[in-house]
Amino acid sequence: MKKFPLVLALALPAFAGAQSPLSTLQTTYPASTTYIWTGCPSPNLFFNLVVNTPITIQGLDVALNAPVGPEGTVEVWITNPPITTYVGNELNQAAWTMRGSGSVTSAGFALPARVTLTPGIQLQAGTYGVAIRYIGIRPLFWLGNGTAVPGGGGPTTNQYYQNAELTLLAGTTQGLAFASAVFSSYVWLGSIHYALGTVPHTAATNVKYGSGCYATNGSFYQRFSCSGPTPAALNGRSLTMVYLGNGYALTPGSVTYIAPSAAAAALPATDEAETPISLTNPMIYPGGATQTLYVNHNGIISAAANTVPSSRFPNILSLLNVPQTAWFSWHDYNPAEVGSGLIKFEEVGQLAIFTWDDVESRPDQPTVNRCRFQIQFDTATGNVNYVWQTMSAVIGSNTSDDHIIGFSPGGPSPDPGPIDISTFLGALLTVPEVLPLKLDASPSPVIGATVDYTTTNETGINVGVLFMGLASLPGIDLGIIGAPGCLAHVDITGAVSSVISNLGVPGLSMTVQLPIPASTPLLGFQLFAQTVWLDPVANPFGILTSNGVRTTVGSF
């Protein structure tokens, strides 16, 4: 890997030392004492925080109930002075102020996921009630020891965590932030990262913007959840994928729902299962044909036996990287639940029809939260129809609410961004897909860190140039120089360049390193990066361009 020859600033003293972070995270989570929030994701986790000296909370690590990839938002609410406890204020939102928030991307079940708070939360010495609110993502939390007073008597009264600067007194939770009954004695699972005193705070981020050339997309998706749009937006709608040989034309459907007849075969009433179904006629699809379709009971139908990671938890990352070609009306269904309808299959003429016939969402018995929809495969034309009848909008306390509709060919796919089924006029999906030239940067550009800028999806064996400058460009089309469709995202005037290569030449690689001095004046400093790759057959000018990356130097 090559180090970027760019001097950012003189190294100056960094923040004063602290015992940060204060953490409640565990190394293991016994099933009998760990709780996961699987309901509509907007719960609060409460605790009290005793602050011994002024601090600035810069961010959190949180434990989540999700596979790698799902995204959400975490908010931190603090009680308004002179209120010093969450106890008795769980339903009084007027007693609280949202002091900071940040996005979060799951690192995997129970693994710490980073939240950089904007702005930083400055607290003077004192005692505060704290509510951590999760939006669009589900937390893990720990069973307390059953006492009512949060840490009131030290280590023997509910969980109690402290260092020289902070004491965290757990704690409880509620399902709907500031609006539903609280449960007793639970412990927030996370870490509080902070600096001593009132210090400058800037979120350290590497944000991708724009796109590389020349991507072709073969996937589509839209997510529905309690945070909107809800699954009920699908009611009465249909969608048709018109087979084109090398892809599909995606159009608003005009097909009708075909109710299962008495002769329809019921799939096993099994939760978390995949059932192979043999067809009378083979089904053609972009990239192949199959006479057996595999039905994941959570609303996924595949062209071959498929392993969808954590299929209980619909997420875009898994859809885009599904190993085998699959069609999705994905949700956490449970046909084994008492009172649930069944998944049914029958062939009507050339149509192979799979119907979730009033199937319950998992688990939340006795709440009635059933869905009825079907996916029709036309073996004569290769067309695929989605038809939604009634999609439950009932969100129970233990119901995974997410629904994702979509399609993706097998293997890694570029992200085309979501469609809006209520407004879109059509889209063209092409298989095989072409992944665009991509630039990524990690880890977070905190002062004192070294950031790796890595280019992938390069074509052929050749060289390229990574440009890093002080100004971005709004995606200027380079057709004027013979590279139409390739966009300039960085102003290279005065930019620093670094050669990259996959030729195996010593000292060159596809990664360039940027050391960031441990200098507080750099907080908020921004750099913009983009890769240009040589490809003599891509266009007359012989180049490909990547997306841009905006790096903001921060304290956390």
Protein backbone atom coordinates (compact mmCIF):
# COMPACT_ATOMS: atom_id res chain seq x y z
CA MET A 1 0.00 0.00 0.00
CA LYS A 2 1.19 3.48 -0.82
CA LYS A 3 1.04 6.40 1.61
CA PHE A 4 -0.48 9.59 0.27
CA PRO A 5 2.14 12.34 0.09
CA LEU A 6 -0.19 15.01 1.47
CA VAL A 7 0.69 16.98 4.60
CA LEU A 8 -2.51 18.00 6.38
CA ALA A 9 -1.21 20.12 9.23
CA LEU A 10 1.36 20.34 12.00
CA ALA A 11 0.90 17.76 14.73
CA LEU A 12 -0.47 19.48 17.84
CA PRO A 13 -1.62 18.10 21.19
CA ALA A 14 -4.86 16.14 21.05
CA PHE A 15 -7.63 15.91 23.60
CA ALA A 16 -6.95 15.50 27.29
CA GLY A 17 -6.92 11.90 28.44
CA ALA A 18 -10.04 10.23 29.79
CA GLN A 19 -11.14 6.74 30.71
CA SER A 20 -13.44 6.74 27.69
CA PRO A 21 -15.34 4.68 26.78
CA LEU A 22 -17.65 3.62 29.59
CA SER A 23 -19.17 0.35 28.39
CA THR A 24 -21.96 -2.03 29.37
CA LEU A 25 -21.20 -4.40 26.49
CA GLN A 26 -20.67 -8.07 27.32
CA THR A 27 -18.47 -10.68 25.69
CA THR A 28 -21.31 -13.24 25.65
CA TYR A 29 -25.08 -12.95 25.82
CA PRO A 30 -26.87 -15.95 27.38
CA ALA A 31 -30.20 -16.46 25.67
CA SER A 32 -32.02 -16.59 28.99
CA THR A 33 -30.96 -13.09 30.00
CA THR A 34 -30.62 -11.23 26.71
CA TYR A 35 -33.54 -9.49 25.08
CA ILE A 36 -33.94 -8.31 21.54
CA TRP A 37 -36.36 -5.70 20.34
CA THR A 38 -38.14 -7.16 17.32
CA GLY A 39 -41.10 -4.82 17.16
CA CYS A 40 -41.65 -1.65 15.21
CA PRO A 41 -38.27 -0.03 15.74
CA SER A 42 -38.71 3.13 17.80
CA PRO A 43 -37.99 2.03 21.38
CA ASN A 44 -36.25 3.91 24.18
CA LEU A 45 -33.59 2.42 26.44
CA PHE A 46 -33.32 4.42 29.69
CA PHE A 47 -30.59 4.91 32.28
CA ASN A 48 -29.27 7.60 34.59
CA LEU A 49 -25.82 9.06 34.11
CA VAL A 50 -23.77 10.63 36.89
CA VAL A 51 -21.11 12.98 35.48
CA ASN A 52 -18.23 13.83 37.82
CA THR A 53 -16.44 16.31 35.55
CA PRO A 54 -17.44 18.23 32.40
CA ILE A 55 -17.36 16.01 29.29
CA THR A 56 -18.32 16.00 25.62
CA ILE A 57 -20.03 12.80 24.48
CA GLN A 58 -18.81 12.20 20.96
CA GLY A 59 -20.40 8.91 20.02
CA LEU A 60 -21.69 5.49 20.99
CA ASP A 61 -21.20 1.85 20.21
CA VAL A 62 -24.50 -0.04 20.28
CA ALA A 63 -25.40 -3.74 20.17
CA LEU A 64 -28.06 -4.49 17.57
CA ASN A 65 -30.44 -7.28 16.68
CA ALA A 66 -29.58 -7.36 12.98
CA PRO A 67 -27.22 -9.01 10.48
CA VAL A 68 -24.52 -7.01 8.74
CA GLY A 69 -25.85 -4.13 6.68
CA PRO A 70 -29.21 -2.79 7.94
CA GLU A 71 -29.17 0.92 8.70
CA GLY A 72 -31.00 3.17 11.12
CA THR A 73 -30.69 6.19 13.37
CA VAL A 74 -29.85 6.48 17.06
CA GLU A 75 -30.91 9.52 19.08
CA VAL A 76 -29.71 10.56 22.54
CA TRP A 77 -32.27 12.38 24.72
CA ILE A 78 -31.25 14.08 27.99
CA THR A 79 -33.55 15.29 30.77
CA ASN A 80 -34.00 19.04 31.06
CA PRO A 81 -32.65 20.68 34.25
CA PRO A 82 -33.46 20.43 37.07
CA ILE A 83 -34.70 16.90 36.30
CA THR A 84 -32.01 14.38 37.24
CA THR A 85 -33.62 10.99 36.52
CA TYR A 86 -35.58 9.14 33.89
CA VAL A 87 -37.73 7.54 36.62
CA GLY A 88 -41.24 8.97 36.44
CA ASN A 89 -40.51 10.84 33.20
CA GLU A 90 -40.75 7.98 30.71
CA LEU A 91 -44.07 9.26 29.32
CA ASN A 92 -43.31 12.98 29.62
CA GLN A 93 -41.46 13.94 26.44
CA ALA A 94 -41.58 17.61 27.51
CA ALA A 95 -39.06 16.69 30.21
CA TRP A 96 -36.47 15.76 27.58
CA THR A 97 -34.37 17.31 24.80
CA MET A 98 -32.83 15.41 21.93
CA ARG A 99 -29.18 16.47 22.28
CA GLY A 100 -27.51 14.44 19.54
CA SER A 101 -28.13 11.81 16.87
CA GLY A 102 -26.30 9.79 14.28
CA SER A 103 -26.73 7.09 11.67
CA VAL A 104 -25.76 3.51 12.39
CA THR A 105 -25.01 0.50 10.19
CA SER A 106 -25.21 -2.92 11.78
CA ALA A 107 -21.91 -4.77 12.12
CA GLY A 108 -23.76 -8.03 12.84
CA PHE A 109 -25.82 -9.52 15.64
CA ALA A 110 -24.57 -8.29 19.06
CA LEU A 111 -21.41 -6.76 17.54
CA PRO A 112 -20.67 -3.11 18.45
CA ALA A 113 -21.89 -0.70 15.79
CA ARG A 114 -20.52 2.84 15.78
CA VAL A 115 -22.71 5.95 16.07
CA THR A 116 -21.03 9.33 15.62
CA LEU A 117 -23.20 11.94 17.32
CA THR A 118 -23.98 15.25 15.70
CA PRO A 119 -23.58 17.53 17.52
CA GLY A 120 -21.41 16.40 20.41
CA ILE A 121 -23.24 16.39 23.74
CA GLN A 122 -21.63 18.66 26.33
CA LEU A 123 -22.51 17.83 29.93
CA GLN A 124 -21.47 19.61 33.08
CA ALA A 125 -20.97 17.75 36.35
CA GLY A 126 -24.34 16.47 37.60
CA THR A 127 -26.88 13.68 37.23
CA TYR A 128 -28.99 13.20 34.11
CA GLY A 129 -31.70 10.92 32.82
CA VAL A 130 -30.74 9.47 29.42
CA ALA A 131 -32.93 7.87 26.76
CA ILE A 132 -31.31 6.12 23.80
CA ARG A 133 -33.86 5.96 20.99
CA TYR A 134 -33.54 3.57 18.05
CA ILE A 135 -35.24 4.43 14.75
CA GLY A 136 -35.38 1.91 11.90
CA ILE A 137 -33.07 -0.52 13.68
CA ARG A 138 -33.52 -2.94 16.59
CA PRO A 139 -31.39 -2.98 19.76
CA LEU A 140 -30.22 -5.67 22.10
CA PHE A 141 -30.58 -5.10 25.83
CA TRP A 142 -29.64 -6.99 28.98
CA LEU A 143 -31.88 -8.28 31.76
CA GLY A 144 -31.31 -6.35 34.98
CA ASN A 145 -31.46 -7.86 38.45
CA GLY A 146 -35.03 -6.84 39.13
CA THR A 147 -34.82 -3.82 41.39
CA ALA A 148 -36.92 -0.75 40.81
CA VAL A 149 -34.39 1.98 41.66
CA PRO A 150 -31.70 2.48 38.98
CA GLY A 151 -28.43 1.75 40.71
CA GLY A 152 -29.65 3.50 43.83
CA GLY A 153 -27.67 1.38 46.27
CA GLY A 154 -24.57 0.65 44.24
CA PRO A 155 -23.65 -2.64 42.61
CA THR A 156 -26.40 -4.62 44.37
CA THR A 157 -29.34 -2.64 42.93
CA ASN A 158 -29.62 -3.21 39.22
CA GLN A 159 -26.55 -3.03 37.02
CA TYR A 160 -24.03 -0.33 37.82
CA TYR A 161 -21.07 0.75 35.63
CA GLN A 162 -18.53 3.41 36.48
CA ASN A 163 -15.07 4.86 35.95
CA ALA A 164 -13.38 8.01 37.23
CA GLU A 165 -15.59 10.35 35.18
CA LEU A 166 -18.96 8.60 34.79
CA THR A 167 -21.40 6.30 36.53
CA LEU A 168 -24.16 4.62 34.52
CA LEU A 169 -27.17 3.49 36.55
CA ALA A 170 -29.41 1.06 34.64
CA GLY A 171 -32.21 1.14 33.57
CA THR A 172 -35.34 0.06 31.66
CA THR A 173 -36.96 0.13 28.23
CA GLN A 174 -40.23 0.99 26.51
CA GLY A 175 -41.57 -0.09 23.14
CA LEU A 176 -42.66 3.27 21.73
CA ALA A 177 -40.53 6.26 22.63
CA PHE A 178 -42.15 8.37 25.38
CA ALA A 179 -45.54 6.82 24.57
CA SER A 180 -45.86 3.26 25.90
CA ALA A 181 -45.58 1.47 29.21
CA VAL A 182 -42.08 0.79 30.53
CA PHE A 183 -40.68 -2.60 31.41
CA SER A 184 -38.68 -3.03 34.59
CA SER A 185 -34.97 -3.61 35.09
CA TYR A 186 -33.21 -3.71 31.75
CA VAL A 187 -29.70 -2.62 30.85
CA TRP A 188 -28.76 -0.65 27.75
CA LEU A 189 -25.98 -2.44 25.85
CA GLY A 190 -23.43 -0.02 24.49
CA SER A 191 -20.39 2.15 25.05
CA ILE A 192 -20.23 5.91 25.63
CA HIS A 193 -17.23 7.59 23.98
CA TYR A 194 -16.34 10.99 25.38
CA ALA A 195 -13.60 13.58 25.82
CA LEU A 196 -12.90 15.65 28.91
CA GLY A 197 -14.14 19.21 29.01
CA THR A 198 -15.98 21.26 26.44
CA VAL A 199 -14.11 20.40 23.27
CA PRO A 200 -14.64 20.93 19.54
CA HIS A 201 -16.62 18.05 18.10
CA THR A 202 -16.85 17.12 14.46
CA ALA A 203 -18.12 13.83 13.12
CA ALA A 204 -15.41 11.90 11.29
CA THR A 205 -16.94 10.63 8.06
CA ASN A 206 -16.08 9.13 4.71
CA VAL A 207 -19.14 9.73 2.53
CA LYS A 208 -19.45 8.35 -0.98
CA TYR A 209 -21.19 10.57 -3.52
CA GLY A 210 -21.94 10.32 -7.21
CA SER A 211 -21.33 7.10 -9.14
CA GLY A 212 -18.75 5.35 -11.25
CA CYS A 213 -19.12 4.41 -14.90
CA TYR A 214 -20.42 2.28 -16.63
CA ALA A 215 -22.76 0.35 -14.35
CA THR A 216 -25.64 -1.76 -15.59
CA ASN A 217 -28.25 -2.70 -13.01
CA GLY A 218 -30.16 -5.93 -12.89
CA SER A 219 -31.71 -5.48 -9.45
CA PHE A 220 -34.52 -3.44 -7.93
CA TYR A 221 -35.96 -3.02 -4.45
CA GLN A 222 -38.20 -1.00 -2.18
CA ARG A 223 -38.40 -1.23 1.60
CA PHE A 224 -41.63 -0.92 3.58
CA SER A 225 -41.69 -0.55 7.36
CA CYS A 226 -43.50 1.08 10.25
CA SER A 227 -41.39 4.19 9.68
CA GLY A 228 -42.93 4.50 6.21
CA PRO A 229 -44.09 3.71 3.70
CA THR A 230 -45.95 0.96 5.50
CA PRO A 231 -46.63 -2.45 3.95
CA ALA A 232 -50.28 -1.43 3.52
CA ALA A 233 -49.11 0.79 0.61
CA LEU A 234 -48.83 -2.43 -1.40
CA ASN A 235 -52.49 -3.36 -0.96
CA GLY A 236 -54.23 -3.87 -4.29
CA ARG A 237 -51.06 -3.24 -6.32
CA SER A 238 -49.27 -5.42 -8.81
CA LEU A 239 -45.93 -5.32 -10.58
CA THR A 240 -44.83 -7.06 -13.77
CA MET A 241 -41.30 -7.99 -14.82
CA VAL A 242 -41.38 -8.44 -18.61
CA TYR A 243 -38.69 -10.92 -19.68
CA LEU A 244 -36.32 -9.51 -22.32
CA GLY A 245 -33.80 -12.34 -22.56
CA ASN A 246 -30.93 -10.37 -21.04
CA GLY A 247 -33.03 -8.75 -18.34
CA TYR A 248 -36.46 -7.44 -17.47
CA ALA A 249 -38.56 -4.39 -18.17
CA LEU A 250 -40.13 -3.43 -14.86
CA THR A 251 -43.64 -2.02 -15.26
CA PRO A 252 -46.70 -1.32 -13.13
CA GLY A 253 -48.75 -4.48 -13.31
CA SER A 254 -52.23 -4.96 -14.67
CA VAL A 255 -52.56 -8.63 -13.75
CA THR A 256 -55.17 -9.93 -11.33
CA TYR A 257 -54.95 -12.03 -8.20
CA ILE A 258 -55.81 -15.69 -8.80
CA ALA A 259 -57.24 -17.22 -5.67
CA PRO A 260 -55.84 -20.69 -4.90
CA SER A 261 -58.22 -23.46 -5.83
CA ALA A 262 -59.06 -26.44 -3.64
CA ALA A 263 -56.46 -28.39 -5.66
CA ALA A 264 -53.60 -26.05 -4.69
CA ALA A 265 -50.78 -27.83 -2.84
CA ALA A 266 -49.94 -26.47 0.60
CA LEU A 267 -46.27 -26.14 1.47
CA PRO A 268 -45.21 -27.46 4.88
CA ALA A 269 -46.39 -25.18 7.72
CA THR A 270 -42.82 -24.60 8.83
CA ASP A 271 -41.11 -21.44 10.05
CA GLU A 272 -37.72 -20.49 8.55
CA ALA A 273 -37.77 -23.13 5.80
CA GLU A 274 -37.04 -23.43 2.08
CA THR A 275 -39.12 -25.85 -0.02
CA PRO A 276 -38.22 -26.98 -3.57
CA ILE A 277 -41.13 -27.04 -6.02
CA SER A 278 -40.93 -28.91 -9.37
CA LEU A 279 -42.54 -27.22 -12.36
CA THR A 280 -44.20 -28.93 -15.29
CA ASN A 281 -42.47 -26.55 -17.69
CA PRO A 282 -39.08 -24.91 -17.18
CA MET A 283 -38.98 -21.25 -16.17
CA ILE A 284 -36.59 -19.05 -18.12
CA TYR A 285 -34.96 -16.06 -16.44
CA PRO A 286 -32.03 -13.76 -17.28
CA GLY A 287 -28.96 -15.96 -17.13
CA GLY A 288 -30.61 -19.38 -17.13
CA ALA A 289 -33.60 -21.65 -16.83
CA THR A 290 -34.86 -23.96 -14.09
CA GLN A 291 -37.50 -26.60 -13.64
CA THR A 292 -37.35 -26.27 -9.84
CA LEU A 293 -38.06 -23.13 -7.87
CA TYR A 294 -37.06 -22.88 -4.22
CA VAL A 295 -39.51 -21.18 -1.88
CA ASN A 296 -38.14 -19.54 1.26
CA HIS A 297 -41.15 -19.25 3.56
CA ASN A 298 -40.20 -15.64 4.32
CA GLY A 299 -41.29 -14.53 0.86
CA ILE A 300 -38.25 -15.31 -1.31
CA ILE A 301 -38.36 -17.52 -4.42
CA SER A 302 -35.04 -18.59 -5.93
CA ALA A 303 -33.91 -20.19 -9.17
CA ALA A 304 -31.69 -22.60 -7.21
CA ALA A 305 -31.19 -23.66 -3.62
CA ASN A 306 -30.28 -20.45 -1.81
CA THR A 307 -28.82 -19.35 1.48
CA VAL A 308 -30.12 -15.91 2.33
CA PRO A 309 -28.24 -14.64 5.40
CA SER A 310 -30.57 -14.08 8.36
CA SER A 311 -33.70 -14.43 6.26
CA ARG A 312 -35.82 -13.36 9.26
CA PHE A 313 -34.39 -9.87 8.85
CA PRO A 314 -35.08 -8.31 5.44
CA ASN A 315 -32.21 -6.06 4.42
CA ILE A 316 -30.97 -4.47 1.20
CA LEU A 317 -27.38 -5.72 1.51
CA SER A 318 -28.45 -9.38 1.54
CA LEU A 319 -30.82 -8.83 -1.39
CA LEU A 320 -28.10 -7.26 -3.53
CA ASN A 321 -25.65 -10.05 -2.70
CA VAL A 322 -28.01 -13.02 -2.84
CA PRO A 323 -26.02 -16.08 -4.03
CA GLN A 324 -28.69 -17.34 -6.45
CA THR A 325 -31.13 -15.37 -8.61
CA ALA A 326 -34.18 -14.56 -6.48
CA TRP A 327 -37.49 -12.72 -6.44
CA PHE A 328 -38.47 -11.05 -3.17
CA SER A 329 -41.60 -10.07 -1.32
CA TRP A 330 -39.56 -10.51 1.82
CA HIS A 331 -40.87 -10.42 5.37
CA ASP A 332 -40.65 -12.52 8.54
CA TYR A 333 -43.60 -14.88 7.98
CA ASN A 334 -44.59 -17.87 10.11
CA PRO A 335 -47.08 -20.28 8.54
CA ALA A 336 -46.60 -22.49 11.62
CA GLU A 337 -48.26 -19.95 13.91
CA VAL A 338 -51.65 -20.95 15.28
CA GLY A 339 -54.39 -19.47 13.09
CA SER A 340 -52.08 -18.73 10.16
CA GLY A 341 -52.94 -19.46 6.57
CA LEU A 342 -50.59 -21.50 4.40
CA ILE A 343 -48.23 -20.98 1.50
CA LYS A 344 -49.80 -22.62 -1.56
CA PHE A 345 -48.67 -23.65 -5.03
CA GLU A 346 -50.52 -24.56 -8.16
CA GLU A 347 -50.16 -24.34 -11.92
CA VAL A 348 -52.89 -22.62 -13.92
CA GLY A 349 -52.14 -23.03 -17.60
CA GLN A 350 -48.61 -21.74 -18.12
CA LEU A 351 -48.59 -19.90 -14.78
CA ALA A 352 -46.77 -21.30 -11.75
CA ILE A 353 -48.42 -19.48 -8.84
CA PHE A 354 -47.09 -19.18 -5.30
CA THR A 355 -49.54 -17.67 -2.81
CA TRP A 356 -48.99 -16.59 0.80
CA ASP A 357 -52.64 -17.15 1.65
CA ASP A 358 -53.37 -15.13 4.80
CA VAL A 359 -50.01 -16.08 6.36
CA GLU A 360 -49.19 -14.70 9.81
CA SER A 361 -46.19 -12.51 10.55
CA ARG A 362 -43.85 -13.99 13.12
CA PRO A 363 -44.53 -14.41 15.99
CA ASP A 364 -46.78 -12.15 18.09
CA GLN A 365 -49.65 -14.51 18.70
CA PRO A 366 -52.52 -13.74 19.25
CA THR A 367 -52.16 -10.50 17.26
CA VAL A 368 -53.69 -10.93 13.81
CA ASN A 369 -51.10 -9.62 11.36
CA ARG A 370 -51.57 -11.67 8.23
CA CYS A 371 -50.65 -11.02 4.62
CA ARG A 372 -52.04 -12.28 1.34
CA PHE A 373 -50.02 -11.94 -1.87
CA GLN A 374 -48.71 -14.08 -4.70
CA ILE A 375 -45.88 -14.28 -7.19
CA GLN A 376 -46.79 -15.65 -10.62
CA PHE A 377 -44.17 -17.15 -12.95
CA ASP A 378 -45.24 -17.33 -16.60
CA THR A 379 -43.33 -20.30 -18.03
CA ALA A 380 -44.46 -19.45 -21.57
CA THR A 381 -43.03 -15.91 -21.64
CA GLY A 382 -40.58 -15.70 -18.71
CA ASN A 383 -42.57 -12.83 -17.22
CA VAL A 384 -42.98 -12.56 -13.45
CA ASN A 385 -45.94 -10.89 -11.73
CA TYR A 386 -46.17 -9.72 -8.13
CA VAL A 387 -49.75 -9.29 -6.88
CA TRP A 388 -50.43 -7.94 -3.39
CA GLN A 389 -53.91 -8.25 -1.92
CA THR A 390 -53.73 -7.35 1.78
CA MET A 391 -50.45 -6.65 3.57
CA SER A 392 -50.91 -6.27 7.30
CA ALA A 393 -50.06 -2.93 8.83
CA VAL A 394 -50.59 -4.31 12.34
CA ILE A 395 -47.30 -4.05 14.19
CA GLY A 396 -47.23 -6.08 17.37
CA SER A 397 -44.69 -5.83 20.16
CA ASN A 398 -42.64 -8.73 18.82
CA THR A 399 -43.18 -8.45 15.10
CA SER A 400 -40.46 -7.87 12.54
CA ASP A 401 -42.18 -5.21 10.49
CA ASP A 402 -39.88 -4.78 7.49
CA HIS A 403 -41.04 -5.84 4.03
CA ILE A 404 -38.71 -5.62 1.03
CA ILE A 405 -39.92 -6.23 -2.50
CA GLY A 406 -37.38 -6.70 -5.24
CA PHE A 407 -35.31 -8.89 -7.52
CA SER A 408 -31.61 -9.59 -7.81
CA PRO A 409 -29.55 -11.91 -10.03
CA GLY A 410 -27.14 -14.20 -8.23
CA GLY A 411 -23.89 -12.72 -6.95
CA PRO A 412 -22.85 -9.17 -5.99
CA SER A 413 -24.95 -6.43 -7.59
CA PRO A 414 -24.52 -2.66 -7.85
CA ASP A 415 -26.98 -0.68 -5.76
CA PRO A 416 -29.44 1.07 -8.10
CA GLY A 417 -31.19 2.85 -5.23
CA PRO A 418 -34.82 2.20 -4.27
CA ILE A 419 -37.78 2.49 -6.58
CA ASP A 420 -41.13 3.92 -5.54
CA ILE A 421 -43.81 1.52 -6.63
CA SER A 422 -46.48 4.19 -6.19
CA THR A 423 -44.97 6.60 -8.71
CA PHE A 424 -42.45 4.88 -10.97
CA LEU A 425 -43.17 4.60 -14.67
CA GLY A 426 -40.79 1.77 -15.49
CA ALA A 427 -37.22 0.59 -15.29
CA LEU A 428 -34.92 -1.63 -17.32
CA LEU A 429 -32.92 -4.36 -15.63
CA THR A 430 -29.95 -5.87 -17.48
CA VAL A 431 -28.18 -9.16 -16.74
CA PRO A 432 -25.30 -9.82 -16.40
CA GLU A 433 -24.73 -6.72 -14.35
CA VAL A 434 -21.63 -4.55 -14.62
CA LEU A 435 -20.24 -3.19 -11.39
CA PRO A 436 -18.98 0.42 -11.61
CA LEU A 437 -15.48 1.45 -10.67
CA LYS A 438 -15.73 2.01 -6.92
CA LEU A 439 -13.72 3.96 -4.37
CA ASP A 440 -14.10 3.24 -0.64
CA ALA A 441 -12.39 4.82 2.36
CA SER A 442 -12.00 3.40 5.88
CA PRO A 443 -11.67 3.59 8.83
CA SER A 444 -13.29 6.80 10.06
CA PRO A 445 -10.94 9.78 9.58
CA VAL A 446 -10.42 10.68 13.23
CA ILE A 447 -7.35 12.72 14.07
CA GLY A 448 -4.36 10.42 14.47
CA ALA A 449 -5.85 7.66 12.25
CA THR A 450 -4.66 6.35 8.88
CA VAL A 451 -7.37 6.13 6.23
CA ASP A 452 -7.17 3.54 3.43
CA TYR A 453 -8.59 4.58 0.04
CA THR A 454 -9.24 1.39 -1.93
CA THR A 455 -10.37 1.12 -5.56
CA THR A 456 -12.28 -1.97 -6.70
CA ASN A 457 -14.21 -3.23 -9.74
CA GLU A 458 -11.32 -2.20 -11.97
CA THR A 459 -11.27 -3.65 -15.50
CA GLY A 460 -8.31 -5.60 -16.80
CA ILE A 461 -4.70 -5.41 -15.64
CA ASN A 462 -3.56 -1.80 -15.77
CA VAL A 463 -2.92 1.35 -13.75
CA GLY A 464 -4.98 4.26 -12.50
CA VAL A 465 -4.67 7.50 -10.59
CA LEU A 466 -6.26 8.48 -7.29
CA PHE A 467 -6.87 12.22 -7.12
CA MET A 468 -7.40 14.02 -3.82
CA GLY A 469 -8.24 17.71 -3.76
CA LEU A 470 -9.94 20.44 -1.76
CA ALA A 471 -13.07 20.88 -3.89
CA SER A 472 -15.77 18.62 -5.27
CA LEU A 473 -17.53 18.86 -8.62
CA PRO A 474 -21.21 18.20 -9.29
CA GLY A 475 -20.63 15.21 -11.56
CA ILE A 476 -19.46 16.87 -14.80
CA ASP A 477 -19.91 14.55 -17.78
CA LEU A 478 -16.56 13.91 -19.48
CA GLY A 479 -18.06 13.33 -22.91
CA ILE A 480 -16.32 16.53 -24.01
CA ILE A 481 -12.98 14.68 -23.86
CA GLY A 482 -14.30 11.38 -25.22
CA ALA A 483 -15.55 9.65 -22.05
CA PRO A 484 -19.33 10.11 -22.18
CA GLY A 485 -21.19 8.92 -19.11
CA CYS A 486 -18.09 9.13 -16.91
CA LEU A 487 -18.38 11.93 -14.37
CA ALA A 488 -15.84 14.20 -12.71
CA HIS A 489 -16.53 14.42 -8.97
CA VAL A 490 -13.28 16.14 -7.87
CA ASP A 491 -11.66 19.37 -9.02
CA ILE A 492 -8.17 18.16 -9.94
CA THR A 493 -6.82 21.70 -10.14
CA GLY A 494 -4.13 21.67 -7.49
CA ALA A 495 -5.10 18.13 -6.44
CA VAL A 496 -2.51 15.59 -5.35
CA SER A 497 -2.34 12.39 -7.41
CA SER A 498 -1.14 8.92 -6.56
CA VAL A 499 -0.65 6.01 -8.96
CA ILE A 500 -2.50 2.77 -8.24
CA SER A 501 -2.10 -0.54 -10.04
CA ASN A 502 -3.01 -4.24 -10.07
CA LEU A 503 0.11 -5.13 -12.09
CA GLY A 504 1.89 -6.53 -9.06
CA VAL A 505 4.62 -3.88 -9.23
CA PRO A 506 6.41 -3.56 -5.85
CA GLY A 507 5.26 -0.48 -3.97
CA LEU A 508 2.01 -0.13 -5.93
CA SER A 509 -1.42 -1.50 -5.08
CA MET A 510 -5.08 -0.58 -5.34
CA THR A 511 -4.96 1.04 -1.89
CA VAL A 512 -3.51 4.41 -0.93
CA GLN A 513 -3.03 5.42 2.71
CA LEU A 514 -3.64 8.87 4.17
CA PRO A 515 -2.13 9.42 7.65
CA ILE A 516 -4.02 12.12 9.58
CA PRO A 517 -1.93 13.99 12.17
CA ALA A 518 -3.23 14.09 15.75
CA SER A 519 -3.95 17.80 15.46
CA THR A 520 -7.15 19.37 16.78
CA PRO A 521 -7.09 22.30 14.27
CA LEU A 522 -7.84 19.71 11.56
CA LEU A 523 -11.34 19.08 12.93
CA GLY A 524 -13.82 19.72 10.13
CA PHE A 525 -11.15 19.73 7.41
CA GLN A 526 -12.49 18.18 4.16
CA LEU A 527 -10.82 16.36 1.29
CA PHE A 528 -12.38 14.95 -1.87
CA ALA A 529 -11.13 11.86 -3.68
CA GLN A 530 -11.85 10.06 -6.95
CA THR A 531 -10.13 7.36 -9.02
CA VAL A 532 -9.49 7.42 -12.77
CA TRP A 533 -8.67 4.01 -14.29
CA LEU A 534 -7.10 3.38 -17.69
CA ASP A 535 -9.25 1.19 -19.94
CA PRO A 536 -8.50 1.60 -23.67
CA VAL A 537 -11.77 -0.05 -24.79
CA ALA A 538 -14.15 1.70 -22.38
CA ASN A 539 -14.54 4.82 -24.56
CA PRO A 540 -12.53 6.90 -27.05
CA PHE A 541 -10.54 8.58 -24.27
CA GLY A 542 -9.78 5.23 -22.64
CA ILE A 543 -10.74 5.86 -19.01
CA LEU A 544 -13.23 4.91 -16.31
CA THR A 545 -14.06 7.09 -13.32
CA SER A 546 -15.21 6.09 -9.85
CA ASN A 547 -17.62 7.63 -7.41
CA GLY A 548 -16.30 10.43 -5.21
CA VAL A 549 -15.49 10.20 -1.50
CA ARG A 550 -15.80 13.20 0.83
CA THR A 551 -13.58 12.83 3.90
CA THR A 552 -14.30 15.02 6.92
CA VAL A 553 -11.69 14.87 9.66
CA GLY A 554 -13.31 14.52 13.06
CA SER A 555 -12.75 13.75 16.71
CA PHE A 556 -14.72 10.49 16.72
